[in-house]
N, C-alpha and C. Protein backbone atom coordinates (compact mmCIF):
# COMPACT_ATOMS: atom_id res chain seq x y z
N UNK A 1 99.01 123.89 111.94
CA UNK A 1 99.42 122.85 110.85
C UNK A 1 100.91 122.15 111.46
N UNK A 2 100.92 121.07 110.91
CA UNK A 2 102.16 120.17 111.29
C UNK A 2 103.38 120.64 110.64
N UNK A 3 104.59 120.61 111.31
CA UNK A 3 105.71 121.05 110.49
C UNK A 3 106.36 119.98 110.22
N UNK A 4 107.24 119.83 109.02
CA UNK A 4 107.80 118.77 108.42
C UNK A 4 109.18 118.87 108.84
N UNK A 5 109.40 118.90 110.33
CA UNK A 5 110.93 118.88 110.87
C UNK A 5 111.51 117.53 110.78
N UNK A 6 112.71 117.50 110.70
CA UNK A 6 113.51 116.30 110.67
C UNK A 6 113.74 116.09 112.15
N UNK A 7 113.72 114.76 112.59
CA UNK A 7 113.99 114.42 114.08
C UNK A 7 115.64 114.48 114.20
N UNK A 8 116.42 114.42 113.12
CA UNK A 8 117.82 114.37 113.26
C UNK A 8 118.35 115.82 113.17
N UNK A 9 119.14 116.48 113.99
CA UNK A 9 119.68 117.83 113.70
C UNK A 9 120.51 117.81 112.51
N UNK A 10 120.56 119.05 111.92
CA UNK A 10 121.27 119.11 110.54
C UNK A 10 122.73 118.51 110.47
N UNK A 11 123.55 118.79 111.64
CA UNK A 11 125.07 118.11 111.30
C UNK A 11 124.85 116.57 111.47
N UNK A 12 124.03 115.81 112.29
CA UNK A 12 124.02 114.53 112.30
C UNK A 12 123.38 114.25 110.94
N UNK A 13 122.40 114.76 110.43
CA UNK A 13 121.92 114.27 109.09
C UNK A 13 122.94 114.43 108.09
N UNK A 14 123.60 115.39 108.00
CA UNK A 14 124.60 115.58 107.02
C UNK A 14 125.98 114.64 107.08
N UNK A 15 126.14 114.27 108.42
CA UNK A 15 127.31 113.27 108.65
C UNK A 15 126.68 112.00 108.47
N UNK A 16 125.42 111.61 108.51
CA UNK A 16 124.89 110.44 108.10
C UNK A 16 124.87 110.39 106.59
N UNK A 17 124.56 111.31 105.97
CA UNK A 17 124.44 111.27 104.51
C UNK A 17 125.82 111.11 103.94
N UNK A 18 126.79 111.71 104.34
CA UNK A 18 128.23 111.40 103.66
C UNK A 18 128.57 109.82 104.35
N UNK A 19 128.34 109.51 105.26
CA UNK A 19 128.56 107.98 105.54
C UNK A 19 127.80 106.96 104.55
N UNK A 20 126.68 107.35 104.23
CA UNK A 20 125.80 106.60 103.46
C UNK A 20 126.22 106.59 101.83
N UNK A 21 126.61 107.85 101.54
CA UNK A 21 127.10 108.07 100.03
C UNK A 21 128.68 107.18 99.93
N UNK A 22 129.16 107.35 100.96
CA UNK A 22 130.60 106.80 100.94
C UNK A 22 130.46 105.26 100.98
N UNK A 23 129.72 104.83 101.81
CA UNK A 23 129.45 103.35 101.94
C UNK A 23 128.86 102.74 100.53
N UNK A 24 127.81 103.61 100.07
CA UNK A 24 127.21 102.97 98.80
C UNK A 24 128.03 103.22 97.60
N UNK A 25 129.11 104.04 97.59
CA UNK A 25 130.06 104.17 96.38
C UNK A 25 131.07 103.06 96.61
N UNK A 26 131.36 102.57 98.03
CA UNK A 26 132.28 101.52 98.10
C UNK A 26 131.66 100.09 97.80
N UNK A 27 130.31 100.07 98.04
CA UNK A 27 129.68 98.71 97.64
C UNK A 27 129.75 98.59 96.06
N UNK A 28 129.42 99.72 95.47
CA UNK A 28 129.43 99.73 93.97
C UNK A 28 130.93 99.34 93.37
N UNK A 29 131.72 100.12 93.98
CA UNK A 29 133.12 99.81 93.73
C UNK A 29 133.44 98.54 93.87
N UNK A 30 133.40 97.72 95.00
CA UNK A 30 133.53 96.46 95.24
C UNK A 30 132.89 95.69 94.40
N UNK A 31 131.67 95.86 93.84
CA UNK A 31 131.19 95.09 92.79
C UNK A 31 131.58 95.07 91.45
N UNK A 32 132.19 96.25 91.14
CA UNK A 32 132.84 96.44 90.06
C UNK A 32 134.16 95.74 89.89
N UNK A 33 134.85 95.62 91.18
CA UNK A 33 136.16 94.81 91.23
C UNK A 33 135.81 93.41 91.07
N UNK A 34 134.78 92.89 91.75
CA UNK A 34 134.42 91.64 91.66
C UNK A 34 134.09 91.21 90.20
N UNK A 35 133.12 92.05 89.56
CA UNK A 35 132.91 91.73 88.01
C UNK A 35 134.23 91.84 87.31
N UNK A 36 135.16 92.67 87.46
CA UNK A 36 136.47 92.53 86.73
C UNK A 36 137.17 91.20 86.94
N UNK A 37 137.37 90.84 88.51
CA UNK A 37 137.92 89.67 88.62
C UNK A 37 137.34 88.47 88.07
N UNK A 38 136.02 88.54 88.18
CA UNK A 38 135.12 87.35 87.58
C UNK A 38 135.35 87.13 86.05
N UNK A 39 135.31 88.42 85.49
CA UNK A 39 135.56 88.51 84.03
C UNK A 39 136.84 88.02 83.73
N UNK A 40 137.96 88.34 84.39
CA UNK A 40 139.28 87.77 84.16
C UNK A 40 139.44 86.15 84.47
N UNK A 41 138.61 85.59 85.44
CA UNK A 41 138.75 84.28 86.04
C UNK A 41 138.05 83.36 84.77
N UNK A 42 136.99 84.12 84.16
CA UNK A 42 136.10 83.40 83.29
C UNK A 42 136.63 83.49 81.70
N UNK A 43 137.55 84.30 81.55
CA UNK A 43 137.93 84.44 80.20
C UNK A 43 139.32 84.15 79.74
N UNK A 44 140.11 83.93 80.90
CA UNK A 44 141.47 83.66 80.61
C UNK A 44 141.76 82.07 80.63
N UNK A 45 142.77 81.68 79.77
CA UNK A 45 143.16 80.34 79.94
C UNK A 45 144.33 80.03 80.76
N UNK A 46 144.96 81.00 81.44
CA UNK A 46 145.90 80.97 82.51
C UNK A 46 145.44 80.56 83.88
N UNK A 47 145.74 79.32 84.09
CA UNK A 47 145.46 79.02 85.45
C UNK A 47 146.00 79.77 86.63
N UNK A 48 146.97 80.22 86.38
CA UNK A 48 147.49 81.16 87.60
C UNK A 48 146.73 82.59 87.73
N UNK A 49 146.06 82.87 86.50
CA UNK A 49 145.32 84.23 86.53
C UNK A 49 143.78 84.07 87.21
N UNK A 50 143.49 82.79 86.77
CA UNK A 50 142.09 82.16 87.18
C UNK A 50 142.07 82.16 88.81
N UNK A 51 143.33 81.52 89.33
CA UNK A 51 143.32 81.28 90.69
C UNK A 51 143.52 82.67 91.50
N UNK A 52 144.43 83.38 91.01
CA UNK A 52 144.50 84.69 91.49
C UNK A 52 143.20 85.43 91.69
N UNK A 53 142.53 85.47 90.58
CA UNK A 53 141.28 86.34 90.40
C UNK A 53 140.13 85.87 91.48
N UNK A 54 139.85 84.40 91.55
CA UNK A 54 139.05 83.92 92.26
C UNK A 54 139.56 83.91 93.83
N UNK A 55 140.78 83.87 94.02
CA UNK A 55 140.92 84.03 95.59
C UNK A 55 140.87 85.47 96.09
N UNK A 56 141.12 86.50 95.04
CA UNK A 56 140.81 87.86 95.43
C UNK A 56 139.56 88.36 95.60
N UNK A 57 138.57 87.46 94.75
CA UNK A 57 137.23 87.66 94.83
C UNK A 57 136.85 87.21 96.35
N UNK A 58 137.37 86.12 96.72
CA UNK A 58 136.88 85.58 97.84
C UNK A 58 137.31 86.54 99.16
N UNK A 59 138.59 87.01 99.02
CA UNK A 59 139.11 88.06 99.94
C UNK A 59 138.19 89.24 100.14
N UNK A 60 137.53 89.88 99.12
CA UNK A 60 136.72 90.74 98.90
C UNK A 60 135.35 90.51 99.71
N UNK A 61 134.73 89.47 99.14
CA UNK A 61 133.58 88.83 99.56
C UNK A 61 133.61 88.49 101.07
N UNK A 62 134.58 87.89 101.64
CA UNK A 62 134.65 87.56 103.00
C UNK A 62 134.95 88.70 103.76
N UNK A 63 135.61 89.73 103.43
CA UNK A 63 136.13 90.75 104.45
C UNK A 63 135.25 92.16 104.35
N UNK A 64 134.77 92.46 102.89
CA UNK A 64 134.46 93.79 102.66
C UNK A 64 132.91 93.76 102.38
N UNK A 65 132.53 93.06 101.68
CA UNK A 65 131.06 92.85 100.92
C UNK A 65 130.10 93.12 101.98
N UNK A 66 129.90 92.18 102.95
CA UNK A 66 128.85 92.40 104.06
C UNK A 66 128.89 93.54 104.93
N UNK A 67 130.29 93.83 105.43
CA UNK A 67 130.00 94.97 106.23
C UNK A 67 129.79 96.32 105.74
N UNK A 68 130.44 96.36 104.53
CA UNK A 68 129.91 97.59 103.38
C UNK A 68 128.40 97.54 103.49
N UNK A 69 128.04 96.50 102.82
CA UNK A 69 126.55 96.48 102.61
C UNK A 69 125.68 96.75 103.89
N UNK A 70 126.11 96.11 105.16
CA UNK A 70 125.20 96.59 106.26
C UNK A 70 125.42 98.03 106.55
N UNK A 71 126.39 98.68 106.44
CA UNK A 71 126.51 100.05 106.61
C UNK A 71 125.64 100.89 105.76
N UNK A 72 125.87 100.53 104.17
CA UNK A 72 124.99 101.18 103.35
C UNK A 72 123.39 101.00 103.70
N UNK A 73 122.93 99.61 104.36
CA UNK A 73 121.52 99.68 104.36
C UNK A 73 121.16 100.33 105.84
N UNK A 74 122.14 100.19 106.94
CA UNK A 74 121.67 100.87 108.07
C UNK A 74 121.72 102.37 108.12
N UNK A 75 122.71 102.88 107.42
CA UNK A 75 122.78 104.47 107.15
C UNK A 75 121.62 104.94 106.36
N UNK A 76 121.40 104.18 105.24
CA UNK A 76 120.10 104.56 104.48
C UNK A 76 118.82 104.36 105.32
N UNK A 77 118.64 103.46 105.96
CA UNK A 77 117.37 103.27 106.91
C UNK A 77 117.51 104.38 108.00
N UNK A 78 118.45 104.70 108.54
CA UNK A 78 118.59 105.99 109.52
C UNK A 78 118.23 107.14 108.94
N UNK A 79 118.72 107.29 107.55
CA UNK A 79 118.51 108.79 106.83
C UNK A 79 116.99 108.62 106.61
N UNK A 80 116.45 107.67 106.04
CA UNK A 80 114.93 107.52 105.86
C UNK A 80 114.03 107.84 106.93
N UNK A 81 114.46 107.26 108.08
CA UNK A 81 113.78 107.48 109.25
C UNK A 81 113.94 108.75 109.86
N UNK A 82 115.09 109.34 109.83
CA UNK A 82 115.42 110.65 110.44
C UNK A 82 115.38 111.97 109.68
N UNK A 83 114.72 112.05 108.38
CA UNK A 83 114.65 112.91 107.59
C UNK A 83 113.00 113.14 107.11
N UNK A 84 112.87 114.29 106.60
CA UNK A 84 111.32 114.36 106.02
C UNK A 84 111.07 113.30 104.72
N UNK A 85 112.10 112.71 104.15
CA UNK A 85 111.78 111.82 103.25
C UNK A 85 111.06 110.46 103.56
N UNK A 86 111.39 110.31 104.78
CA UNK A 86 110.47 109.01 105.52
C UNK A 86 110.93 107.68 104.77
N UNK A 87 110.53 106.62 105.34
CA UNK A 87 110.67 105.38 104.67
C UNK A 87 109.73 104.86 103.79
N UNK A 88 108.56 105.31 104.19
CA UNK A 88 107.19 104.80 103.16
C UNK A 88 106.60 106.04 102.58
N UNK A 89 107.08 107.25 102.48
CA UNK A 89 106.48 108.43 102.03
C UNK A 89 106.66 108.60 100.39
N UNK A 90 107.71 108.11 100.08
CA UNK A 90 108.17 108.39 98.70
C UNK A 90 108.45 107.13 98.07
N UNK A 91 107.95 106.66 96.93
CA UNK A 91 108.16 105.44 96.12
C UNK A 91 109.74 105.37 95.86
N UNK A 92 110.50 106.20 95.59
CA UNK A 92 112.07 105.80 95.37
C UNK A 92 112.65 105.36 96.65
N UNK A 93 112.20 105.99 97.77
CA UNK A 93 112.93 105.60 98.91
C UNK A 93 112.57 104.19 99.27
N UNK A 94 111.28 103.99 99.00
CA UNK A 94 110.57 102.60 99.56
C UNK A 94 111.32 101.78 98.47
N UNK A 95 111.41 101.93 97.38
CA UNK A 95 111.92 101.01 96.22
C UNK A 95 113.57 100.83 96.79
N UNK A 96 114.34 101.91 97.13
CA UNK A 96 115.74 101.78 97.33
C UNK A 96 115.79 100.79 98.67
N UNK A 97 114.99 100.98 99.54
CA UNK A 97 114.92 100.09 100.83
C UNK A 97 114.93 98.64 100.61
N UNK A 98 113.88 98.37 99.85
CA UNK A 98 113.38 96.87 99.42
C UNK A 98 114.82 96.17 98.50
N UNK A 99 115.21 97.08 97.65
CA UNK A 99 116.31 96.69 96.71
C UNK A 99 117.52 96.52 97.53
N UNK A 100 117.81 97.56 98.35
CA UNK A 100 119.01 97.28 99.31
C UNK A 100 119.14 95.98 100.38
N UNK A 101 117.80 95.93 100.73
CA UNK A 101 117.63 94.66 101.49
C UNK A 101 117.77 93.24 100.79
N UNK A 102 117.35 93.22 99.64
CA UNK A 102 117.47 92.20 98.81
C UNK A 102 118.71 91.93 98.13
N UNK A 103 119.49 92.90 97.81
CA UNK A 103 121.00 92.81 97.45
C UNK A 103 121.75 92.25 98.60
N UNK A 104 121.59 92.91 99.76
CA UNK A 104 122.28 92.51 100.89
C UNK A 104 122.04 90.86 101.31
N UNK A 105 120.76 90.69 101.35
CA UNK A 105 120.43 89.04 101.47
C UNK A 105 121.10 88.30 100.31
N UNK A 106 120.87 88.59 99.07
CA UNK A 106 121.52 88.12 97.94
C UNK A 106 123.08 87.89 98.21
N UNK A 107 123.74 88.95 98.64
CA UNK A 107 125.15 88.91 98.96
C UNK A 107 125.37 87.99 100.08
N UNK A 108 124.78 87.80 100.95
CA UNK A 108 125.22 86.80 102.00
C UNK A 108 124.62 85.37 101.56
N UNK A 109 123.49 85.15 101.04
CA UNK A 109 122.99 83.91 100.64
C UNK A 109 123.47 83.42 99.16
N UNK A 110 123.89 84.15 98.51
CA UNK A 110 124.23 83.68 96.99
C UNK A 110 125.69 84.01 96.63
N UNK A 111 126.08 85.14 96.77
CA UNK A 111 127.17 85.72 96.11
C UNK A 111 128.40 85.28 96.91
N UNK A 112 128.48 85.35 98.25
CA UNK A 112 129.61 84.78 99.06
C UNK A 112 129.63 83.24 98.87
N UNK A 113 128.55 82.48 98.99
CA UNK A 113 128.73 81.04 98.78
C UNK A 113 129.14 80.59 97.40
N UNK A 114 128.80 81.71 96.46
CA UNK A 114 129.08 81.24 94.99
C UNK A 114 130.49 81.48 94.72
N UNK A 115 131.13 82.56 95.46
CA UNK A 115 132.50 82.71 95.52
C UNK A 115 133.21 81.67 96.08
N UNK A 116 132.76 81.21 97.29
CA UNK A 116 133.38 80.07 97.86
C UNK A 116 133.44 78.99 97.18
N UNK A 117 132.41 78.68 96.42
CA UNK A 117 132.17 77.31 95.48
C UNK A 117 133.24 77.63 94.40
N UNK A 118 133.50 78.72 93.85
CA UNK A 118 134.42 79.20 92.70
C UNK A 118 135.74 78.81 93.28
N UNK A 119 136.19 79.06 94.40
CA UNK A 119 137.59 78.79 95.11
C UNK A 119 137.80 77.09 94.95
N UNK A 120 136.63 76.71 95.39
CA UNK A 120 136.92 75.00 95.45
C UNK A 120 136.96 74.47 93.97
N UNK A 121 136.17 75.08 92.98
CA UNK A 121 136.28 74.73 91.52
C UNK A 121 137.48 74.81 91.04
N UNK A 122 138.08 76.07 91.35
CA UNK A 122 139.58 76.58 90.85
C UNK A 122 140.35 75.23 91.27
N UNK A 123 140.44 74.98 92.59
CA UNK A 123 141.06 73.88 93.03
C UNK A 123 141.18 72.61 92.29
N UNK A 124 139.63 72.35 91.76
CA UNK A 124 139.52 71.15 90.96
C UNK A 124 139.73 71.31 89.59
N UNK A 125 140.10 72.44 89.23
CA UNK A 125 140.55 72.59 87.64
C UNK A 125 139.31 72.52 86.78
N UNK A 126 138.07 73.32 87.11
CA UNK A 126 136.96 73.19 86.40
C UNK A 126 137.32 73.86 84.88
N UNK A 127 136.35 73.67 83.88
CA UNK A 127 136.32 74.46 82.71
C UNK A 127 135.89 75.90 82.72
N UNK A 128 136.31 76.69 81.73
CA UNK A 128 136.12 77.96 81.77
C UNK A 128 134.58 78.22 81.82
N UNK A 129 133.87 77.69 81.12
CA UNK A 129 132.42 77.85 81.34
C UNK A 129 131.49 77.80 82.72
N UNK A 130 132.18 76.82 83.35
CA UNK A 130 131.90 76.69 84.78
C UNK A 130 132.28 78.02 85.69
N UNK A 131 133.48 78.37 85.21
CA UNK A 131 134.17 79.55 86.04
C UNK A 131 133.49 80.77 85.83
N UNK A 132 132.58 80.89 84.68
CA UNK A 132 132.00 82.22 84.42
C UNK A 132 130.80 82.40 85.48
N UNK A 133 130.38 81.47 86.02
CA UNK A 133 129.34 81.50 87.25
C UNK A 133 129.50 82.53 88.11
N UNK A 134 130.68 82.91 88.39
CA UNK A 134 131.13 84.08 89.34
C UNK A 134 130.81 85.40 88.81
N UNK A 135 130.48 85.38 87.62
CA UNK A 135 129.93 86.59 87.02
C UNK A 135 128.51 86.98 87.15
N UNK A 136 127.79 86.15 87.54
CA UNK A 136 126.44 86.41 87.64
C UNK A 136 126.12 87.38 89.03
N UNK A 137 126.63 86.97 90.04
CA UNK A 137 126.30 88.06 91.13
C UNK A 137 126.78 89.33 91.10
N UNK A 138 127.91 89.52 90.68
CA UNK A 138 128.30 90.97 90.42
C UNK A 138 127.53 91.76 89.21
N UNK A 139 127.29 91.01 88.34
CA UNK A 139 126.36 91.52 87.16
C UNK A 139 124.96 91.96 87.91
N UNK A 140 124.30 91.23 88.48
CA UNK A 140 123.20 91.61 89.10
C UNK A 140 123.10 92.63 90.14
N UNK A 141 124.30 92.59 91.01
CA UNK A 141 124.31 93.52 91.99
C UNK A 141 124.67 94.92 91.29
N UNK A 142 125.69 94.89 90.49
CA UNK A 142 125.92 96.27 89.74
C UNK A 142 124.66 96.80 89.07
N UNK A 143 123.62 96.17 88.50
CA UNK A 143 122.59 96.49 88.01
C UNK A 143 121.78 97.08 89.13
N UNK A 144 121.54 96.55 90.28
CA UNK A 144 120.73 96.92 91.20
C UNK A 144 121.34 98.36 91.75
N UNK A 145 122.72 98.35 91.93
CA UNK A 145 123.33 99.46 92.58
C UNK A 145 123.16 100.54 91.85
N UNK A 146 123.39 100.59 90.15
CA UNK A 146 123.13 101.64 89.48
C UNK A 146 121.84 102.37 89.48
N UNK A 147 120.77 101.32 89.27
CA UNK A 147 119.52 101.60 89.34
C UNK A 147 118.93 102.35 90.62
N UNK A 148 119.72 101.87 91.95
CA UNK A 148 119.34 102.60 93.01
C UNK A 148 119.99 104.03 93.15
N UNK A 149 121.21 104.21 92.25
CA UNK A 149 121.89 105.37 92.53
C UNK A 149 121.02 106.47 91.29
N UNK A 150 120.62 105.79 90.22
CA UNK A 150 119.81 106.57 89.41
C UNK A 150 118.54 107.13 90.12
N UNK A 151 117.80 106.40 90.69
CA UNK A 151 116.46 106.76 91.37
C UNK A 151 116.81 107.78 92.63
N UNK A 152 118.05 107.61 93.34
CA UNK A 152 118.44 108.46 94.44
C UNK A 152 118.52 109.99 93.89
N UNK A 153 118.99 110.15 92.36
CA UNK A 153 119.43 111.33 91.93
C UNK A 153 118.06 111.91 91.18
N UNK A 154 117.22 111.14 90.51
CA UNK A 154 116.09 111.58 89.87
C UNK A 154 114.71 111.61 90.77
N UNK A 155 114.70 110.82 91.76
CA UNK A 155 113.77 110.93 92.74
C UNK A 155 112.18 110.75 92.06
N UNK A 156 112.13 109.56 91.17
CA UNK A 156 110.86 109.40 90.47
C UNK A 156 109.64 108.95 91.07
N UNK A 157 108.68 108.90 90.58
CA UNK A 157 107.28 108.23 90.98
C UNK A 157 106.49 108.99 92.15
N UNK A 158 106.97 110.12 92.59
CA UNK A 158 106.12 110.78 93.73
C UNK A 158 105.92 110.06 95.01
N UNK A 159 104.81 110.56 95.68
CA UNK A 159 104.55 109.92 96.94
C UNK A 159 103.73 108.54 96.90
N UNK A 160 103.92 107.76 97.97
CA UNK A 160 103.29 106.71 98.21
C UNK A 160 101.83 106.97 98.69
N UNK A 161 100.96 106.10 98.74
CA UNK A 161 99.67 106.48 99.31
C UNK A 161 99.95 107.06 100.76
N UNK A 162 100.49 106.31 101.49
CA UNK A 162 100.85 107.07 102.88
C UNK A 162 101.63 108.32 102.91
N UNK A 163 102.38 108.58 101.87
CA UNK A 163 102.85 109.93 102.02
C UNK A 163 101.81 111.07 101.33
N UNK A 164 100.83 110.64 100.61
CA UNK A 164 99.84 111.53 100.18
C UNK A 164 98.76 111.91 101.30
N UNK A 165 98.71 110.69 102.07
CA UNK A 165 97.90 111.01 103.14
C UNK A 165 98.34 112.05 104.22
N UNK A 166 99.62 111.78 104.58
CA UNK A 166 100.30 112.50 105.42
C UNK A 166 100.45 113.99 104.98
N UNK A 167 100.70 114.15 103.77
CA UNK A 167 100.79 115.40 103.12
C UNK A 167 99.42 116.14 103.30
N UNK A 168 98.33 115.50 102.90
CA UNK A 168 96.99 116.10 103.14
C UNK A 168 96.70 116.40 104.65
N UNK A 169 97.05 115.75 105.67
CA UNK A 169 96.74 115.90 106.80
C UNK A 169 97.53 117.23 107.40
N UNK A 170 98.77 117.37 106.88
CA UNK A 170 99.62 118.37 107.36
C UNK A 170 99.10 119.57 106.49
N UNK A 171 98.58 119.43 105.56
CA UNK A 171 97.98 120.71 104.89
C UNK A 171 96.50 121.28 105.54
N UNK A 172 95.81 120.19 106.27
CA UNK A 172 94.39 120.77 106.60
C UNK A 172 94.62 121.87 107.76
N UNK A 173 93.91 122.82 107.72
CA UNK A 173 93.95 123.93 108.77
C UNK A 173 93.29 123.26 110.10
N UNK A 174 94.14 124.02 110.93
CA UNK A 174 93.81 123.46 112.42
C UNK A 174 93.01 124.34 112.91
N UNK A 175 91.68 123.89 113.53
CA UNK A 175 90.75 124.57 114.19
C UNK A 175 91.21 125.14 115.53
N UNK A 176 91.13 126.41 115.86
CA UNK A 176 91.70 126.70 117.14
C UNK A 176 90.70 126.23 118.31
N UNK A 177 91.07 126.07 119.38
CA UNK A 177 90.21 125.51 120.21
C UNK A 177 89.37 126.71 120.68
N UNK A 178 88.07 126.42 121.28
CA UNK A 178 87.15 127.58 121.65
C UNK A 178 87.57 127.94 123.12
N UNK A 179 87.66 129.28 123.03
CA UNK A 179 88.06 129.81 124.45
C UNK A 179 86.82 129.31 125.50
N UNK A 180 87.32 129.43 126.68
CA UNK A 180 86.50 128.94 127.59
C UNK A 180 85.53 129.76 128.00
N UNK A 181 85.56 131.10 127.73
CA UNK A 181 84.55 132.06 128.08
C UNK A 181 83.69 132.51 126.73
N UNK A 182 83.70 131.64 125.73
CA UNK A 182 82.79 131.67 124.67
C UNK A 182 81.60 130.92 124.90
N UNK A 183 80.45 131.66 124.51
CA UNK A 183 79.14 130.87 124.81
C UNK A 183 78.17 131.33 123.73
N UNK A 184 77.61 130.41 122.84
CA UNK A 184 76.76 130.57 122.05
C UNK A 184 76.67 131.94 120.96
N UNK A 185 77.95 132.31 120.81
CA UNK A 185 77.97 133.43 119.77
C UNK A 185 78.16 134.92 120.24
N UNK A 186 78.09 135.00 121.73
CA UNK A 186 78.43 136.26 122.23
C UNK A 186 79.66 136.03 123.38
N UNK A 187 80.40 136.96 123.42
CA UNK A 187 81.48 136.88 124.32
C UNK A 187 81.03 137.37 125.81
N UNK A 188 81.16 136.29 126.73
CA UNK A 188 80.70 136.80 128.05
C UNK A 188 81.77 137.80 128.61
N UNK A 189 81.41 138.76 129.22
CA UNK A 189 82.25 139.92 129.63
C UNK A 189 83.13 139.21 130.89
N UNK A 190 84.35 139.31 131.10
CA UNK A 190 84.94 138.84 132.18
C UNK A 190 85.07 140.02 133.27
N UNK A 191 84.77 139.55 134.62
CA UNK A 191 84.76 140.62 135.49
C UNK A 191 86.20 141.41 135.63
N UNK A 192 85.90 142.76 135.84
CA UNK A 192 87.04 143.64 135.73
C UNK A 192 87.65 144.24 134.55
N UNK A 193 86.71 144.04 133.42
CA UNK A 193 86.98 144.61 132.15
C UNK A 193 86.22 145.79 131.91
């Protein structure tokens, strides 16, 4: 029978898990910070608060979001490949993989450019309705991260087809190889016995 051993030794697996949890929490925290700053920029009438909020969002988006997102994605991918959970064995792991990839892509292609546009807009002194656009990215990201956290804890949906197939293969009894001296139902005596 196949063993379900992890290719990563336990200390490495635990260290990687700690890195992944810290990076995921940091990504969630950054998103909450962006949401708070975006809410401040979109709801205040003070030009100074709007400018400070949007410039702080740019600082977070430019220096922290992508590196923390990449660390979360990479550590999660390594964990899935280096543990019995696997990448495509459980639906919740597979779902987290694709959602993390999608939010990381959205961060690079939409959220960061949106924050940069907001900085330009603040310089042009746009109305508050236009400034609220900076809320969309953090709200979507926050929803995705909370959902991924929930499925990490609850681990719903069971195995994928591939996971079920691998489990069944592992459960099948292994037929022992036939000894070389076995012939047609009787054991041939070996000389000297």
